[in-house]
Amino acid sequence: MKIGKLSIIIPAYNEGGTIHLILNKIKDVELIDDIQKEIIIVDDCSSDNTEQAVADYKAQNPVINIRYFKHLQNKGKGAALHTGIAKATGEYTIIQDADLEYDPAEYNDLLKPICNGFADVVYGSRFMGSNPHRILFFWHTIGNRWLTFLSNMMSNLNLTDMETCYKLFDTRLLQSIKLCEQRFGFEPEVTQKVARIPKIRIYEVGISYYGRTYDDGKKIGWKDGVRAIYCILKYGLFNTK
């Protein structure tokens, strides 16, 4: 399958210190089949210098296709993704966190099942393959695996990592889904709703994971885990639209 452009959505909140680093990594990636990149940054009302950092980067790299949008009030990661999804113009869309936990050099690994005509959606799993994984929190890992297990029960999928950031979608398919969750509930919601699409082809590939600690700026907490359970039941068990 021929893809002309990949939309890369980056939700950003107070990432002024690192966003240039992730943009450098994206810039250095040469996508297979000469696929072009559209970078969509959605600043969720940051209180630091994220906006200026993006403006400086755009000025220094005028040939890179970067589109910047800013929320006037903080709404959450899911809301930032909703904005980015609506603005995407590439045939396919991938989600990229603004920190350095995920490696854009692996975009091509996710794109291969698409370009080879096998997949409509590809998830990048932190729990499969032989790529590097930073060793961090035992209970976070157990929590992620349990949420994935519960999500699989509701969706009848056999994913290994529902909560992964790296999700690659057919853009028109993604834009056709009504998404409601404003924060980290985006992951279980979109998974349950994608799973209900007739004849959807979902693949999973192993990816690296360079996890952050809370001292490094990690933002997700136990309350988000509770919300994820609620979302799995709401959109899976009760089939809420």
C-alpha atoms as a PDB file:
ATOM      1  CA  MET A   1       0.000   0.000   0.000  1.00  0.00           C
ATOM      2  CA  LYS A   2       1.358   3.425  -0.963  1.00  0.00           C
ATOM      3  CA  ILE A   3       1.351   6.047   1.804  1.00  0.00           C
ATOM      4  CA  GLY A   4       2.189   9.631   0.905  1.00  0.00           C
ATOM      5  CA  LYS A   5       2.291  11.211   4.352  1.00  0.00           C
ATOM      6  CA  LEU A   6       2.397  10.202   8.002  1.00  0.00           C
ATOM      7  CA  SER A   7       0.862  12.559  10.573  1.00  0.00           C
ATOM      8  CA  ILE A   8       2.766  12.514  13.880  1.00  0.00           C
ATOM      9  CA  ILE A   9       0.699  13.909  16.747  1.00  0.00           C
ATOM     10  CA  ILE A  10       2.631  15.175  19.772  1.00  0.00           C
ATOM     11  CA  PRO A  11       0.562  16.204  22.824  1.00  0.00           C
ATOM     12  CA  ALA A  12       2.788  18.471  24.895  1.00  0.00           C
ATOM     13  CA  TYR A  13       2.457  19.831  28.408  1.00  0.00           C
ATOM     14  CA  ASN A  14       5.465  21.564  29.989  1.00  0.00           C
ATOM     15  CA  GLU A  15       7.946  19.817  27.693  1.00  0.00           C
ATOM     16  CA  GLY A  16       9.967  22.914  26.795  1.00  0.00           C
ATOM     17  CA  GLY A  17      13.187  21.340  28.024  1.00  0.00           C
ATOM     18  CA  THR A  18      12.985  18.199  25.893  1.00  0.00           C
ATOM     19  CA  ILE A  19      10.695  18.794  22.942  1.00  0.00           C
ATOM     20  CA  HIS A  20      13.570  19.861  20.691  1.00  0.00           C
ATOM     21  CA  LEU A  21      15.236  16.511  21.407  1.00  0.00           C
ATOM     22  CA  ILE A  22      12.253  14.460  20.272  1.00  0.00           C
ATOM     23  CA  LEU A  23      11.839  16.716  17.227  1.00  0.00           C
ATOM     24  CA  ASN A  24      15.489  16.068  16.334  1.00  0.00           C
ATOM     25  CA  LYS A  25      14.843  12.326  16.502  1.00  0.00           C
ATOM     26  CA  ILE A  26      11.775  12.645  14.286  1.00  0.00           C
ATOM     27  CA  LYS A  27      13.703  14.834  11.841  1.00  0.00           C
ATOM     28  CA  ASP A  28      16.456  12.212  11.530  1.00  0.00           C
ATOM     29  CA  VAL A  29      14.062   9.377  10.682  1.00  0.00           C
ATOM     30  CA  GLU A  30      13.883   8.444   6.997  1.00  0.00           C
ATOM     31  CA  LEU A  31      10.556   6.715   6.511  1.00  0.00           C
ATOM     32  CA  ILE A  32      10.226   3.732   4.216  1.00  0.00           C
ATOM     33  CA  ASP A  33       8.809   4.181   0.701  1.00  0.00           C
ATOM     34  CA  ASP A  34       9.701   7.893   0.851  1.00  0.00           C
ATOM     35  CA  ILE A  35       6.758   8.635   3.156  1.00  0.00           C
ATOM     36  CA  GLN A  36       6.667  12.311   4.162  1.00  0.00           C
ATOM     37  CA  LYS A  37       6.169  13.544   7.731  1.00  0.00           C
ATOM     38  CA  GLU A  38       3.622  15.997   9.105  1.00  0.00           C
ATOM     39  CA  ILE A  39       4.376  16.882  12.737  1.00  0.00           C
ATOM     40  CA  ILE A  40       1.369  18.191  14.687  1.00  0.00           C
ATOM     41  CA  ILE A  41       2.208  19.594  18.125  1.00  0.00           C
ATOM     42  CA  VAL A  42      -0.717  20.311  20.452  1.00  0.00           C
ATOM     43  CA  ASP A  43       0.369  22.371  23.462  1.00  0.00           C
ATOM     44  CA  ASP A  44      -2.115  21.694  26.270  1.00  0.00           C
ATOM     45  CA  CYS A  45      -1.743  25.152  27.845  1.00  0.00           C
ATOM     46  CA  SER A  46       1.801  24.649  29.113  1.00  0.00           C
ATOM     47  CA  SER A  47       3.032  26.957  31.858  1.00  0.00           C
ATOM     48  CA  ASP A  48       6.690  26.695  30.827  1.00  0.00           C
ATOM     49  CA  ASN A  49       8.482  27.703  27.607  1.00  0.00           C
ATOM     50  CA  THR A  50       7.074  24.943  25.385  1.00  0.00           C
ATOM     51  CA  GLU A  51       5.559  27.427  22.931  1.00  0.00           C
ATOM     52  CA  GLN A  52       8.805  29.375  22.568  1.00  0.00           C
ATOM     53  CA  ALA A  53      10.828  26.175  22.256  1.00  0.00           C
ATOM     54  CA  VAL A  54       8.630  25.032  19.359  1.00  0.00           C
ATOM     55  CA  ALA A  55       8.770  28.465  17.712  1.00  0.00           C
ATOM     56  CA  ASP A  56      12.565  28.488  17.954  1.00  0.00           C
ATOM     57  CA  TYR A  57      12.793  24.996  16.526  1.00  0.00           C
ATOM     58  CA  LYS A  58      10.522  25.862  13.600  1.00  0.00           C
ATOM     59  CA  ALA A  59      12.620  28.960  12.854  1.00  0.00           C
ATOM     60  CA  GLN A  60      15.809  26.889  12.884  1.00  0.00           C
ATOM     61  CA  ASN A  61      14.307  24.094  10.766  1.00  0.00           C
ATOM     62  CA  PRO A  62      12.060  25.785   8.192  1.00  0.00           C
ATOM     63  CA  VAL A  63      11.986  22.795   5.826  1.00  0.00           C
ATOM     64  CA  ILE A  64      10.332  20.537   8.414  1.00  0.00           C
ATOM     65  CA  ASN A  65       6.533  20.377   8.256  1.00  0.00           C
ATOM     66  CA  ILE A  66       5.593  21.339  11.837  1.00  0.00           C
ATOM     67  CA  ARG A  67       2.092  22.549  12.699  1.00  0.00           C
ATOM     68  CA  TYR A  68       1.537  24.006  16.159  1.00  0.00           C
ATOM     69  CA  PHE A  69      -1.744  24.370  18.043  1.00  0.00           C
ATOM     70  CA  LYS A  70      -2.304  25.522  21.608  1.00  0.00           C
ATOM     71  CA  HIS A  71      -5.168  24.993  24.033  1.00  0.00           C
ATOM     72  CA  LEU A  72      -6.095  28.118  25.972  1.00  0.00           C
ATOM     73  CA  GLN A  73      -6.765  25.987  29.045  1.00  0.00           C
ATOM     74  CA  ASN A  74      -5.340  22.690  30.229  1.00  0.00           C
ATOM     75  CA  LYS A  75      -7.679  19.888  29.159  1.00  0.00           C
ATOM     76  CA  GLY A  76      -5.579  16.716  29.305  1.00  0.00           C
ATOM     77  CA  LYS A  77      -3.636  14.433  26.975  1.00  0.00           C
ATOM     78  CA  GLY A  78      -6.755  12.937  25.426  1.00  0.00           C
ATOM     79  CA  ALA A  79      -8.112  16.383  24.551  1.00  0.00           C
ATOM     80  CA  ALA A  80      -4.785  17.297  22.944  1.00  0.00           C
ATOM     81  CA  LEU A  81      -4.957  14.125  20.882  1.00  0.00           C
ATOM     82  CA  HIS A  82      -8.509  14.944  19.802  1.00  0.00           C
ATOM     83  CA  THR A  83      -7.268  18.291  18.474  1.00  0.00           C
ATOM     84  CA  GLY A  84      -4.342  16.673  16.676  1.00  0.00           C
ATOM     85  CA  ILE A  85      -6.459  13.928  15.138  1.00  0.00           C
ATOM     86  CA  ALA A  86      -8.895  16.480  13.748  1.00  0.00           C
ATOM     87  CA  LYS A  87      -5.999  18.403  12.146  1.00  0.00           C
ATOM     88  CA  ALA A  88      -4.203  15.377  10.651  1.00  0.00           C
ATOM     89  CA  THR A  89      -3.934  15.282   6.851  1.00  0.00           C
ATOM     90  CA  GLY A  90      -1.709  12.231   6.362  1.00  0.00           C
ATOM     91  CA  GLU A  91      -3.155   8.913   5.240  1.00  0.00           C
ATOM     92  CA  TYR A  92      -1.918   7.420   8.524  1.00  0.00           C
ATOM     93  CA  THR A  93      -1.461   8.894  11.984  1.00  0.00           C
ATOM     94  CA  ILE A  94       0.858   7.915  14.821  1.00  0.00           C
ATOM     95  CA  ILE A  95       0.945   9.218  18.395  1.00  0.00           C
ATOM     96  CA  GLN A  96       4.258  10.404  19.833  1.00  0.00           C
ATOM     97  CA  ASP A  97       4.824  11.615  23.404  1.00  0.00           C
ATOM     98  CA  ALA A  98       6.938  14.740  23.737  1.00  0.00           C
ATOM     99  CA  ASP A  99       9.327  13.092  26.202  1.00  0.00           C
ATOM    100  CA  LEU A 100      12.024  10.585  25.238  1.00  0.00           C
ATOM    101  CA  GLU A 101      10.390   7.318  26.348  1.00  0.00           C
ATOM    102  CA  TYR A 102       9.714   6.110  22.790  1.00  0.00           C
ATOM    103  CA  ASP A 103      12.098   6.082  19.831  1.00  0.00           C
ATOM    104  CA  PRO A 104      10.891   7.528  16.498  1.00  0.00           C
ATOM    105  CA  ALA A 105      13.528   5.435  14.737  1.00  0.00           C
ATOM    106  CA  GLU A 106      11.027   2.586  15.147  1.00  0.00           C
ATOM    107  CA  TYR A 107       8.266   4.239  13.103  1.00  0.00           C
ATOM    108  CA  ASN A 108       9.242   2.042  10.177  1.00  0.00           C
ATOM    109  CA  ASP A 109       8.691  -1.102  12.253  1.00  0.00           C
ATOM    110  CA  LEU A 110       5.088  -0.012  12.811  1.00  0.00           C
ATOM    111  CA  LEU A 111       4.631   1.069   9.200  1.00  0.00           C
ATOM    112  CA  LYS A 112       5.738  -2.226   7.635  1.00  0.00           C
ATOM    113  CA  PRO A 113       2.495  -4.172   8.313  1.00  0.00           C
ATOM    114  CA  ILE A 114       0.592  -1.205   6.827  1.00  0.00           C
ATOM    115  CA  CYS A 115       2.777  -0.808   3.746  1.00  0.00           C
ATOM    116  CA  ASN A 116       2.726  -4.564   3.143  1.00  0.00           C
ATOM    117  CA  GLY A 117      -1.069  -4.467   3.053  1.00  0.00           C
ATOM    118  CA  PHE A 118      -1.758  -6.491   6.196  1.00  0.00           C
ATOM    119  CA  ALA A 119      -2.911  -3.956   8.805  1.00  0.00           C
ATOM    120  CA  ASP A 120      -5.215  -0.994   9.392  1.00  0.00           C
ATOM    121  CA  VAL A 121      -3.972  -0.337  12.945  1.00  0.00           C
ATOM    122  CA  VAL A 122      -0.604  -1.176  14.523  1.00  0.00           C
ATOM    123  CA  TYR A 123       0.256  -1.029  18.240  1.00  0.00           C
ATOM    124  CA  GLY A 124       3.858  -0.850  19.448  1.00  0.00           C
ATOM    125  CA  SER A 125       4.261  -3.206  22.408  1.00  0.00           C
ATOM    126  CA  ARG A 126       6.746  -2.580  25.218  1.00  0.00           C
ATOM    127  CA  PHE A 127       6.265  -6.182  26.369  1.00  0.00           C
ATOM    128  CA  MET A 128       7.322  -8.159  23.313  1.00  0.00           C
ATOM    129  CA  GLY A 129      10.454  -8.435  21.190  1.00  0.00           C
ATOM    130  CA  SER A 130      14.117  -8.021  22.063  1.00  0.00           C
ATOM    131  CA  ASN A 131      14.428  -4.225  21.976  1.00  0.00           C
ATOM    132  CA  PRO A 132      15.827  -2.314  24.978  1.00  0.00           C
ATOM    133  CA  HIS A 133      13.485  -1.659  27.914  1.00  0.00           C
ATOM    134  CA  ARG A 134      14.405   0.413  30.934  1.00  0.00           C
ATOM    135  CA  ILE A 135      13.762  -1.438  34.198  1.00  0.00           C
ATOM    136  CA  LEU A 136      11.552   0.675  36.443  1.00  0.00           C
ATOM    137  CA  PHE A 137       8.471   0.021  38.587  1.00  0.00           C
ATOM    138  CA  PHE A 138       7.178  -3.493  39.293  1.00  0.00           C
ATOM    139  CA  TRP A 139       3.644  -2.376  40.186  1.00  0.00           C
ATOM    140  CA  HIS A 140       3.392  -0.151  37.120  1.00  0.00           C
ATOM    141  CA  THR A 141       4.198  -3.175  34.968  1.00  0.00           C
ATOM    142  CA  ILE A 142       1.669  -5.336  36.781  1.00  0.00           C
ATOM    143  CA  GLY A 143      -0.911  -2.548  36.447  1.00  0.00           C
ATOM    144  CA  ASN A 144      -0.286  -2.174  32.709  1.00  0.00           C
ATOM    145  CA  ARG A 145      -0.531  -5.908  32.129  1.00  0.00           C
ATOM    146  CA  TRP A 146      -3.711  -6.179  34.191  1.00  0.00           C
ATOM    147  CA  LEU A 147      -5.351  -3.278  32.351  1.00  0.00           C
ATOM    148  CA  THR A 148      -4.406  -4.886  29.048  1.00  0.00           C
ATOM    149  CA  PHE A 149      -5.865  -8.208  30.241  1.00  0.00           C
ATOM    150  CA  LEU A 150      -9.137  -6.526  31.265  1.00  0.00           C
ATOM    151  CA  SER A 151      -9.250  -4.598  27.985  1.00  0.00           C
ATOM    152  CA  ASN A 152      -8.712  -7.812  26.020  1.00  0.00           C
ATOM    153  CA  MET A 153     -11.576  -9.470  27.884  1.00  0.00           C
ATOM    154  CA  MET A 154     -13.916  -6.685  26.783  1.00  0.00           C
ATOM    155  CA  SER A 155     -12.613  -6.312  23.207  1.00  0.00           C
ATOM    156  CA  ASN A 156     -11.783  -9.970  22.443  1.00  0.00           C
ATOM    157  CA  LEU A 157      -8.300  -8.926  21.292  1.00  0.00           C
ATOM    158  CA  ASN A 158      -5.009 -10.468  22.394  1.00  0.00           C
ATOM    159  CA  LEU A 159      -2.879  -7.346  22.743  1.00  0.00           C
ATOM    160  CA  THR A 160       0.132  -7.388  25.036  1.00  0.00           C
ATOM    161  CA  ASP A 161       0.250  -3.601  25.632  1.00  0.00           C
ATOM    162  CA  MET A 162      -3.007  -1.650  25.391  1.00  0.00           C
ATOM    163  CA  GLU A 163      -1.552   1.363  27.241  1.00  0.00           C
ATOM    164  CA  THR A 164       1.320   1.929  24.822  1.00  0.00           C
ATOM    165  CA  CYS A 165       1.805   5.406  23.375  1.00  0.00           C
ATOM    166  CA  TYR A 166       2.765   4.105  19.924  1.00  0.00           C
ATOM    167  CA  LYS A 167      -0.479   3.507  18.089  1.00  0.00           C
ATOM    168  CA  LEU A 168      -0.617   3.846  14.306  1.00  0.00           C
ATOM    169  CA  PHE A 169      -4.016   4.325  12.663  1.00  0.00           C
ATOM    170  CA  ASP A 170      -5.599   4.797   9.283  1.00  0.00           C
ATOM    171  CA  THR A 171      -6.403   8.507   9.653  1.00  0.00           C
ATOM    172  CA  ARG A 172      -9.864   8.413   8.115  1.00  0.00           C
ATOM    173  CA  LEU A 173     -10.769   5.488  10.329  1.00  0.00           C
ATOM    174  CA  LEU A 174      -9.497   7.295  13.423  1.00  0.00           C
ATOM    175  CA  GLN A 175     -11.288  10.526  12.511  1.00  0.00           C
ATOM    176  CA  SER A 176     -14.549   8.598  12.093  1.00  0.00           C
ATOM    177  CA  ILE A 177     -14.521   7.480  15.737  1.00  0.00           C
ATOM    178  CA  LYS A 178     -16.234   9.640  18.340  1.00  0.00           C
ATOM    179  CA  LEU A 179     -13.667  10.037  21.133  1.00  0.00           C
ATOM    180  CA  CYS A 180     -14.683  11.446  24.501  1.00  0.00           C
ATOM    181  CA  GLU A 181     -11.916  10.887  27.062  1.00  0.00           C
ATOM    182  CA  GLN A 182      -9.986  14.047  27.922  1.00  0.00           C
ATOM    183  CA  ARG A 183      -7.049  12.537  29.824  1.00  0.00           C
ATOM    184  CA  PHE A 184      -5.254   9.174  29.817  1.00  0.00           C
ATOM    185  CA  GLY A 185      -8.547   7.367  29.277  1.00  0.00           C
ATOM    186  CA  PHE A 186      -7.872   7.850  25.558  1.00  0.00           C
ATOM    187  CA  GLU A 187      -5.927   4.573  25.387  1.00  0.00           C
ATOM    188  CA  PRO A 188      -8.657   2.169  26.605  1.00  0.00           C
ATOM    189  CA  GLU A 189     -11.411   4.136  24.864  1.00  0.00           C
ATOM    190  CA  VAL A 190      -9.817   4.111  21.423  1.00  0.00           C
ATOM    191  CA  THR A 191      -8.864   0.448  21.816  1.00  0.00           C
ATOM    192  CA  GLN A 192     -12.407  -0.647  22.679  1.00  0.00           C
ATOM    193  CA  LYS A 193     -13.929   1.424  19.878  1.00  0.00           C
ATOM    194  CA  VAL A 194     -11.425   0.331  17.220  1.00  0.00           C
ATOM    195  CA  ALA A 195     -11.969  -3.311  18.187  1.00  0.00           C
ATOM    196  CA  ARG A 196     -15.681  -2.992  17.314  1.00  0.00           C
ATOM    197  CA  ILE A 197     -15.033  -1.891  13.724  1.00  0.00           C
ATOM    198  CA  PRO A 198     -16.057  -4.734  11.372  1.00  0.00           C
ATOM    199  CA  LYS A 199     -13.139  -6.571   9.716  1.00  0.00           C
ATOM    200  CA  ILE A 200     -10.565  -4.297  11.366  1.00  0.00           C
ATOM    201  CA  ARG A 201      -7.009  -5.623  11.042  1.00  0.00           C
ATOM    202  CA  ILE A 202      -4.957  -4.875  14.158  1.00  0.00           C
ATOM    203  CA  TYR A 203      -1.289  -5.813  14.434  1.00  0.00           C
ATOM    204  CA  GLU A 204       1.311  -5.463  17.177  1.00  0.00           C
ATOM    205  CA  VAL A 205       5.107  -5.065  16.920  1.00  0.00           C
ATOM    206  CA  GLY A 206       7.765  -4.966  19.623  1.00  0.00           C
ATOM    207  CA  ILE A 207       9.293  -1.570  20.435  1.00  0.00           C
ATOM    208  CA  SER A 208      11.893  -0.106  22.791  1.00  0.00           C
ATOM    209  CA  TYR A 209      10.967   1.721  25.967  1.00  0.00           C
ATOM    210  CA  TYR A 210      13.150   4.314  27.704  1.00  0.00           C
ATOM    211  CA  GLY A 211      10.843   4.962  30.649  1.00  0.00           C
ATOM    212  CA  ARG A 212      10.891   8.028  32.869  1.00  0.00           C
ATOM    213  CA  THR A 213      10.591   8.263  36.630  1.00  0.00           C
ATOM    214  CA  TYR A 214       8.421  10.847  38.386  1.00  0.00           C
ATOM    215  CA  ASP A 215      11.595  12.847  39.053  1.00  0.00           C
ATOM    216  CA  ASP A 216      12.122  12.897  35.287  1.00  0.00           C
ATOM    217  CA  GLY A 217       8.641  14.360  34.805  1.00  0.00           C
ATOM    218  CA  LYS A 218       6.368  11.342  34.360  1.00  0.00           C
ATOM    219  CA  LYS A 219       2.768  12.521  34.844  1.00  0.00           C
ATOM    220  CA  ILE A 220       0.506   9.449  34.898  1.00  0.00           C
ATOM    221  CA  GLY A 221      -0.577   8.240  38.366  1.00  0.00           C
ATOM    222  CA  TRP A 222      -2.797   5.730  40.157  1.00  0.00           C
ATOM    223  CA  LYS A 223      -5.924   7.838  39.588  1.00  0.00           C
ATOM    224  CA  ASP A 224      -5.384   7.436  35.845  1.00  0.00           C
ATOM    225  CA  GLY A 225      -5.267   3.667  36.356  1.00  0.00           C
ATOM    226  CA  VAL A 226      -8.625   3.782  38.119  1.00  0.00           C
ATOM    227  CA  ARG A 227     -10.014   5.877  35.269  1.00  0.00           C
ATOM    228  CA  ALA A 228      -8.666   3.339  32.768  1.00  0.00           C
ATOM    229  CA  ILE A 229     -10.650   0.566  34.481  1.00  0.00           C
ATOM    230  CA  TYR A 230     -13.762   2.740  34.329  1.00  0.00           C
ATOM    231  CA  CYS A 231     -13.190   3.424  30.620  1.00  0.00           C
ATOM    232  CA  ILE A 232     -12.653  -0.250  29.786  1.00  0.00           C
ATOM    233  CA  LEU A 233     -15.960  -1.124  31.422  1.00  0.00           C
ATOM    234  CA  LYS A 234     -17.768   1.904  30.027  1.00  0.00           C
ATOM    235  CA  TYR A 235     -16.697   1.489  26.391  1.00  0.00           C
ATOM    236  CA  GLY A 236     -16.207  -2.280  26.441  1.00  0.00           C
ATOM    237  CA  LEU A 237     -18.655  -4.004  28.756  1.00  0.00           C
ATOM    238  CA  PHE A 238     -21.439  -1.418  28.383  1.00  0.00           C
ATOM    239  CA  ASN A 239     -20.596  -0.543  24.772  1.00  0.00           C
ATOM    240  CA  THR A 240     -20.952   3.204  25.408  1.00  0.00           C
ATOM    241  CA  LYS A 241     -20.443   5.337  22.287  1.00  0.00           C
END
